[in-house]
Protein backbone atom coordinates (compact mmCIF):
# COMPACT_ATOMS: atom_id res chain seq x y z
CA MET A 1 104.73 -85.33 -28.44
CA ILE A 2 107.84 -83.92 -30.12
CA ILE A 3 106.56 -80.43 -31.06
CA GLU A 4 104.21 -78.27 -29.00
CA VAL A 5 103.26 -74.78 -30.17
CA LYS A 6 101.12 -72.50 -28.02
CA ASP A 7 99.66 -69.12 -29.03
CA LEU A 8 102.52 -68.47 -31.46
CA THR A 9 102.40 -64.95 -32.88
CA LYS A 10 104.70 -62.93 -35.10
CA LYS A 11 104.13 -59.25 -35.86
CA TYR A 12 105.95 -56.87 -38.16
CA GLY A 13 104.82 -53.46 -36.97
CA GLU A 14 101.06 -53.40 -37.46
CA VAL A 15 101.09 -56.51 -39.68
CA THR A 16 100.40 -59.84 -37.98
CA ALA A 17 102.09 -62.57 -40.04
CA VAL A 18 101.21 -65.43 -37.66
CA ASP A 19 98.27 -65.01 -35.33
CA GLY A 20 98.00 -67.09 -32.15
CA VAL A 21 98.74 -70.52 -33.64
CA SER A 22 98.60 -73.57 -31.37
CA MET A 23 99.26 -77.14 -32.51
CA SER A 24 101.15 -80.29 -31.55
CA VAL A 25 103.00 -82.89 -33.58
CA GLU A 26 103.62 -86.52 -32.62
CA ARG A 27 107.02 -88.11 -33.12
CA GLY A 28 107.40 -89.65 -36.56
CA GLU A 29 104.50 -87.73 -38.13
CA LEU A 30 104.50 -86.10 -41.55
CA VAL A 31 102.62 -82.79 -41.37
CA GLY A 32 101.69 -80.78 -44.46
CA ILE A 33 101.52 -76.98 -44.18
CA ILE A 34 99.28 -75.45 -46.83
CA GLY A 35 97.74 -72.07 -47.58
CA PRO A 36 97.73 -69.28 -50.17
CA ASP A 37 100.64 -66.89 -50.65
CA GLY A 38 100.95 -64.61 -47.65
CA ALA A 39 99.15 -67.05 -45.33
CA GLY A 40 102.06 -67.10 -42.85
CA LYS A 41 103.47 -70.54 -43.69
CA THR A 42 107.10 -69.49 -44.15
CA THR A 43 107.07 -67.26 -41.07
CA PHE A 44 105.60 -70.10 -39.02
CA LEU A 45 108.22 -72.61 -40.22
CA ARG A 46 111.07 -70.16 -39.68
CA MET A 47 109.97 -69.71 -36.07
CA LEU A 48 109.79 -73.49 -35.62
CA SER A 49 113.31 -73.83 -36.98
CA GLY A 50 114.67 -71.17 -34.63
CA ALA A 51 115.64 -68.87 -37.51
CA LEU A 52 113.08 -66.27 -36.42
CA HIS A 53 112.08 -65.08 -32.95
CA PRO A 54 108.33 -65.01 -32.24
CA THR A 55 106.66 -61.88 -30.93
CA SER A 56 104.85 -64.01 -28.35
CA GLY A 57 103.92 -67.62 -27.65
CA THR A 58 106.03 -70.70 -26.99
CA ILE A 59 107.64 -73.46 -29.05
CA THR A 60 108.75 -76.70 -27.42
CA VAL A 61 110.72 -79.20 -29.52
CA ASN A 62 111.73 -82.54 -28.02
CA GLY A 63 111.01 -81.14 -24.56
CA LYS A 64 113.20 -78.05 -25.06
CA THR A 65 112.53 -74.38 -25.71
CA PHE A 66 114.66 -72.01 -27.79
CA SER A 67 114.91 -69.53 -24.95
CA GLU A 68 116.70 -72.08 -22.77
CA ASN A 69 118.19 -74.63 -25.18
CA ARG A 70 118.86 -72.90 -28.51
CA GLN A 71 122.17 -74.65 -29.19
CA GLU A 72 120.80 -78.10 -28.35
CA LEU A 73 117.75 -77.54 -30.54
CA LYS A 74 119.99 -76.71 -33.48
CA GLU A 75 121.15 -80.32 -33.28
CA ASP A 76 117.56 -81.61 -33.15
CA ILE A 77 116.30 -79.66 -36.18
CA GLY A 78 117.11 -79.68 -39.89
CA TYR A 79 115.74 -76.84 -42.01
CA LEU A 80 115.52 -76.28 -45.76
CA SER A 81 114.19 -72.88 -46.78
CA GLN A 82 112.50 -72.03 -50.09
CA VAL A 83 115.95 -71.17 -51.43
CA SER A 84 118.21 -74.22 -51.09
CA GLN A 85 121.03 -73.73 -48.61
CA ALA A 86 123.43 -75.45 -50.99
CA TYR A 87 126.14 -73.05 -52.12
CA GLY A 88 126.21 -72.71 -55.89
CA ASP A 89 129.96 -72.06 -56.14
CA LEU A 90 130.77 -75.26 -54.23
CA THR A 91 130.60 -78.75 -55.66
CA VAL A 92 128.11 -81.29 -54.38
CA TRP A 93 130.76 -82.94 -52.20
CA GLU A 94 132.12 -79.61 -50.97
CA ASN A 95 128.60 -78.71 -49.80
CA ILE A 96 128.37 -82.00 -47.92
CA GLU A 97 131.76 -81.34 -46.35
CA PHE A 98 130.85 -77.78 -45.38
CA PHE A 99 127.56 -78.69 -43.69
CA GLY A 100 129.04 -81.81 -42.12
CA LYS A 101 131.87 -79.85 -40.54
CA ILE A 102 129.79 -76.83 -39.51
CA ARG A 103 127.42 -79.27 -37.78
CA LYS A 104 130.46 -80.95 -36.16
CA VAL A 105 129.54 -84.36 -37.55
CA ARG A 106 132.49 -86.67 -36.98
CA ASP A 107 131.53 -89.26 -39.59
CA TRP A 108 130.29 -86.74 -42.17
CA LYS A 109 132.09 -88.53 -45.00
CA GLU A 110 130.31 -91.83 -44.39
CA ARG A 111 126.95 -90.14 -43.89
CA GLY A 112 127.48 -87.94 -46.92
CA GLU A 113 128.30 -90.92 -49.12
CA ARG A 114 125.15 -92.74 -47.98
CA LEU A 115 122.92 -89.71 -48.45
CA LEU A 116 124.24 -88.89 -51.92
CA ALA A 117 123.92 -92.51 -52.99
CA PHE A 118 120.33 -92.65 -51.80
CA ALA A 119 119.52 -89.33 -53.50
CA HIS A 120 121.14 -90.54 -56.74
CA LEU A 121 123.69 -87.73 -56.57
CA GLY A 122 126.84 -89.81 -56.08
CA GLN A 123 127.93 -89.50 -59.69
CA PHE A 124 127.64 -85.71 -59.48
CA LYS A 125 129.96 -85.19 -56.50
CA ASP A 126 132.34 -82.96 -58.48
CA ARG A 127 129.66 -80.85 -60.14
CA LEU A 128 129.00 -77.31 -58.94
CA ALA A 129 125.64 -76.94 -57.21
CA ASP A 130 124.80 -74.09 -59.60
CA GLN A 131 125.05 -76.58 -62.47
CA LEU A 132 122.48 -78.98 -61.00
CA SER A 133 118.86 -79.12 -62.09
CA GLY A 134 116.25 -77.69 -59.71
CA GLY A 135 115.26 -81.11 -58.42
CA MET A 136 118.85 -82.26 -57.95
CA ARG A 137 119.71 -79.09 -56.06
CA GLN A 138 116.73 -79.57 -53.74
CA LYS A 139 117.83 -83.15 -53.06
CA LEU A 140 121.31 -81.86 -52.25
CA GLY A 141 119.75 -79.28 -49.93
CA ILE A 142 117.89 -82.02 -48.07
CA CYS A 143 121.08 -84.09 -47.77
CA CYS A 144 122.83 -81.06 -46.24
CA ALA A 145 119.88 -80.42 -43.89
CA VAL A 146 119.96 -83.96 -42.46
CA ILE A 147 123.71 -84.62 -42.42
CA HIS A 148 123.60 -84.28 -38.60
CA GLN A 149 120.64 -86.72 -38.30
CA PRO A 150 118.07 -84.31 -36.80
CA LYS A 151 114.95 -85.50 -35.03
CA VAL A 152 112.82 -82.90 -36.84
CA LEU A 153 113.07 -81.85 -40.49
CA ILE A 154 111.38 -78.63 -41.64
CA LEU A 155 110.99 -78.06 -45.40
CA ASP A 156 109.55 -74.93 -46.99
CA GLU A 157 108.06 -75.83 -50.39
CA PRO A 158 110.91 -78.15 -51.47
CA THR A 159 109.09 -79.30 -54.63
CA THR A 160 108.10 -75.90 -56.05
CA GLY A 161 109.27 -75.67 -59.65
CA VAL A 162 110.63 -79.21 -59.59
CA ASP A 163 109.87 -81.66 -62.39
CA PRO A 164 107.49 -84.59 -61.65
CA VAL A 165 110.23 -87.25 -61.58
CA SER A 166 112.35 -85.28 -59.11
CA ARG A 167 109.26 -84.53 -57.00
CA ARG A 168 108.58 -88.24 -56.73
CA GLU A 169 112.20 -88.91 -55.73
CA LEU A 170 112.03 -86.17 -53.09
CA TRP A 171 108.96 -87.80 -51.54
CA LEU A 172 110.66 -91.20 -51.59
CA ILE A 173 113.55 -89.66 -49.66
CA LEU A 174 111.12 -88.22 -47.09
CA ALA A 175 109.40 -91.61 -46.79
CA SER A 176 112.73 -93.22 -45.91
CA PHE A 177 113.29 -90.63 -43.17
CA LEU A 178 109.84 -91.34 -41.73
CA ARG A 179 110.69 -95.03 -41.47
CA ASN A 180 113.50 -93.98 -39.14
CA GLU A 181 111.00 -92.00 -37.00
CA MET A 182 112.11 -88.56 -38.13
CA THR A 183 109.34 -85.97 -37.76
CA ILE A 184 108.76 -83.88 -40.89
CA LEU A 185 106.88 -80.63 -41.47
CA VAL A 186 106.63 -79.67 -45.12
CA ALA A 187 104.97 -76.68 -46.74
CA THR A 188 103.70 -77.47 -50.22
CA PRO A 189 101.66 -75.61 -52.86
CA TYR A 190 100.48 -78.97 -54.24
CA LEU A 191 97.40 -80.22 -52.41
CA ALA A 192 97.84 -83.71 -53.88
CA GLU A 193 101.18 -83.86 -52.04
CA ALA A 194 99.61 -82.65 -48.80
CA GLU A 195 97.14 -85.55 -48.96
CA ARG A 196 100.08 -87.91 -48.40
CA CYS A 197 100.63 -86.41 -44.95
CA ASN A 198 99.45 -87.82 -41.62
CA LYS A 199 97.98 -84.42 -40.81
CA VAL A 200 97.45 -81.16 -42.64
CA ALA A 201 97.60 -77.64 -41.20
CA LEU A 202 95.56 -75.14 -43.25
CA PHE A 203 96.70 -71.53 -42.89
CA ASN A 204 95.10 -68.31 -44.10
CA GLN A 205 95.90 -64.70 -43.18
CA GLY A 206 98.24 -65.85 -40.43
CA ARG A 207 95.64 -68.03 -38.70
CA LEU A 208 95.48 -71.81 -38.43
CA LEU A 209 92.05 -72.66 -39.84
CA ARG A 210 92.14 -76.44 -39.38
CA TYR A 211 94.65 -79.07 -38.26
CA ASN A 212 93.83 -82.76 -38.66
CA SER A 213 94.11 -85.76 -40.96
CA VAL A 214 92.47 -85.44 -44.39
CA PRO A 215 89.76 -88.05 -43.57
CA ALA A 216 88.98 -86.26 -40.31
CA LEU A 217 88.83 -82.91 -42.08
CA THR A 218 86.49 -84.35 -44.69
CA SER A 219 84.16 -85.66 -41.99
CA GLU A 220 84.44 -82.45 -39.98
CA MET A 221 83.57 -80.22 -42.93
CA ALA A 222 80.59 -82.39 -44.00
CA LEU A 223 81.13 -81.62 -47.67
CA HIS A 224 79.68 -83.65 -50.53
CA VAL A 225 81.13 -83.52 -54.02
CA PHE A 226 79.16 -84.55 -57.10
CA GLU A 227 80.04 -84.99 -60.75
CA ILE A 228 77.76 -84.58 -63.73
CA HIS A 229 78.78 -86.15 -67.04
CA SER A 230 77.33 -84.43 -70.09
CA ARG A 231 78.04 -84.10 -73.81
CA ASN A 232 77.40 -80.35 -73.59
CA LEU A 233 79.67 -79.10 -70.82
CA LYS A 234 79.35 -75.40 -71.62
CA ASP A 235 75.57 -75.23 -71.23
CA ALA A 236 75.57 -77.76 -68.38
CA PHE A 237 78.03 -75.57 -66.49
CA LYS A 238 75.76 -72.54 -66.90
CA THR A 239 72.78 -74.53 -65.61
CA ILE A 240 74.65 -75.92 -62.59
CA SER A 241 76.02 -72.46 -61.74
CA GLY A 242 72.43 -71.22 -61.46
CA PHE A 243 71.80 -73.27 -58.30
CA ASP A 244 73.03 -71.36 -55.25
CA PHE A 245 73.60 -74.57 -53.26
CA ALA A 246 75.89 -76.05 -55.96
CA HIS A 247 79.15 -74.45 -54.87
CA ASP A 248 82.43 -74.19 -56.79
CA PRO A 249 81.41 -75.80 -60.11
CA VAL A 250 84.51 -76.82 -62.07
CA VAL A 251 84.91 -78.44 -65.49
CA LEU A 252 87.22 -81.45 -65.27
CA GLY A 253 87.68 -83.18 -68.61
CA ASP A 254 84.31 -84.63 -69.65
CA ARG A 255 82.52 -83.80 -66.40
CA ILE A 256 81.59 -80.97 -64.06
CA SER A 257 82.06 -81.22 -60.31
CA PHE A 258 80.30 -79.18 -57.63
CA VAL A 259 80.14 -79.14 -53.84
CA THR A 260 77.16 -79.13 -51.48
CA ALA A 261 76.70 -79.14 -47.72
CA ASP A 262 74.77 -81.73 -45.68
CA SER A 263 71.72 -79.48 -45.52
CA ASP A 264 71.44 -79.32 -49.32
CA LEU A 265 71.72 -83.03 -50.16
CA GLY A 266 67.99 -83.30 -50.80
CA LYS A 267 68.22 -80.69 -53.56
CA VAL A 268 70.99 -82.33 -55.60
CA ALA A 269 68.60 -84.37 -57.75
CA THR A 270 67.09 -81.14 -59.06
CA VAL A 271 70.44 -80.23 -60.64
CA LEU A 272 70.55 -83.43 -62.68
CA GLU A 273 66.88 -83.05 -63.61
CA ALA A 274 67.51 -79.52 -64.91
CA VAL A 275 70.51 -80.63 -66.99
CA LYS A 276 68.55 -83.56 -68.44
CA ASN A 277 65.47 -81.49 -69.27
CA ARG A 278 67.28 -78.51 -70.76
CA ILE A 279 70.53 -79.84 -72.23
CA ASP A 280 71.36 -83.55 -72.25
CA LYS A 281 68.83 -86.28 -71.50
CA ASP A 282 71.69 -88.78 -71.05
CA ALA A 283 73.51 -86.77 -68.39
CA GLU A 284 74.61 -88.76 -65.33
CA LEU A 285 75.22 -87.78 -61.71
CA LYS A 286 77.42 -89.48 -59.11
CA GLU A 287 78.91 -88.58 -55.75
CA ILE A 288 82.68 -88.68 -55.28
CA GLY A 289 84.84 -88.18 -52.21
CA ALA A 290 85.70 -84.65 -51.14
CA SER A 291 89.34 -83.75 -51.79
CA LEU A 292 91.66 -81.49 -49.81
CA ASP A 293 91.16 -78.95 -52.59
CA ASN A 294 87.40 -78.92 -51.88
CA ILE A 295 87.99 -78.57 -48.15
CA PHE A 296 90.52 -75.76 -48.51
CA THR A 297 88.45 -73.81 -51.03
CA SER A 298 85.41 -74.04 -48.76
CA LEU A 299 87.37 -72.79 -45.75
CA ILE A 300 88.94 -69.88 -47.58
CA LYS A 301 85.56 -68.69 -48.89
CA SER A 302 83.71 -69.04 -45.59
């Protein structure tokens, strides 16, 4: 166990940003932190990084607590906030030099060269960080965050506003860190990205709603997702929406998906029957696997 959080709470006056969160992370795991805006994700990650003091509760990282080992933990943790730490008025290489020296990394030049080469930033060493694209600047920020080879890397929405190609490259960089047994916690607004993680922590209103692997969450929630294919999606959607057990109907291309609970499985056939009788006799129904989106939507509404 590399991270242990117990009853972590952060209050700002009467507002509770993080409310009694407890969770643990194994060494080498990739943990996704998801939730709507204002759920407490950033506050939680800032406390884990040591940038913010909790109101109450404890954080243990690699067997150490911030109250007793703050300086040592700074060496164990790398942190990239929502706003990249890279300084815009410094070049790419000057940023590497700054963070390498401030972290007292003796071989920062060698490490910096390797990191920039891997991130495909080597040819941009003399370019100002302000002149980089969003994705390139985030990659530079990650290089700066890991120049001291931390055991834990904490990233707060590193792919927000980044183009698809750069997002893919960012995840490839994270995958390489995982192969070296780095532990990574990453907040992301993209649920498809969170599904890549070993575990997912779902936050809402400062509380941790669920924390587990996606397959375990799917089994735990006992949700069933169905799709109906029809040539008349507009009327089919209205019909499906009329069944109170067919939750969260959504039009996706040439089909409509909806969610049901275990207790309502026996009623699903009546949805298809209604669509066939009223709208499209050739309509088809099939069950598909529940996604993290289905799980999260169900939790938020419950």
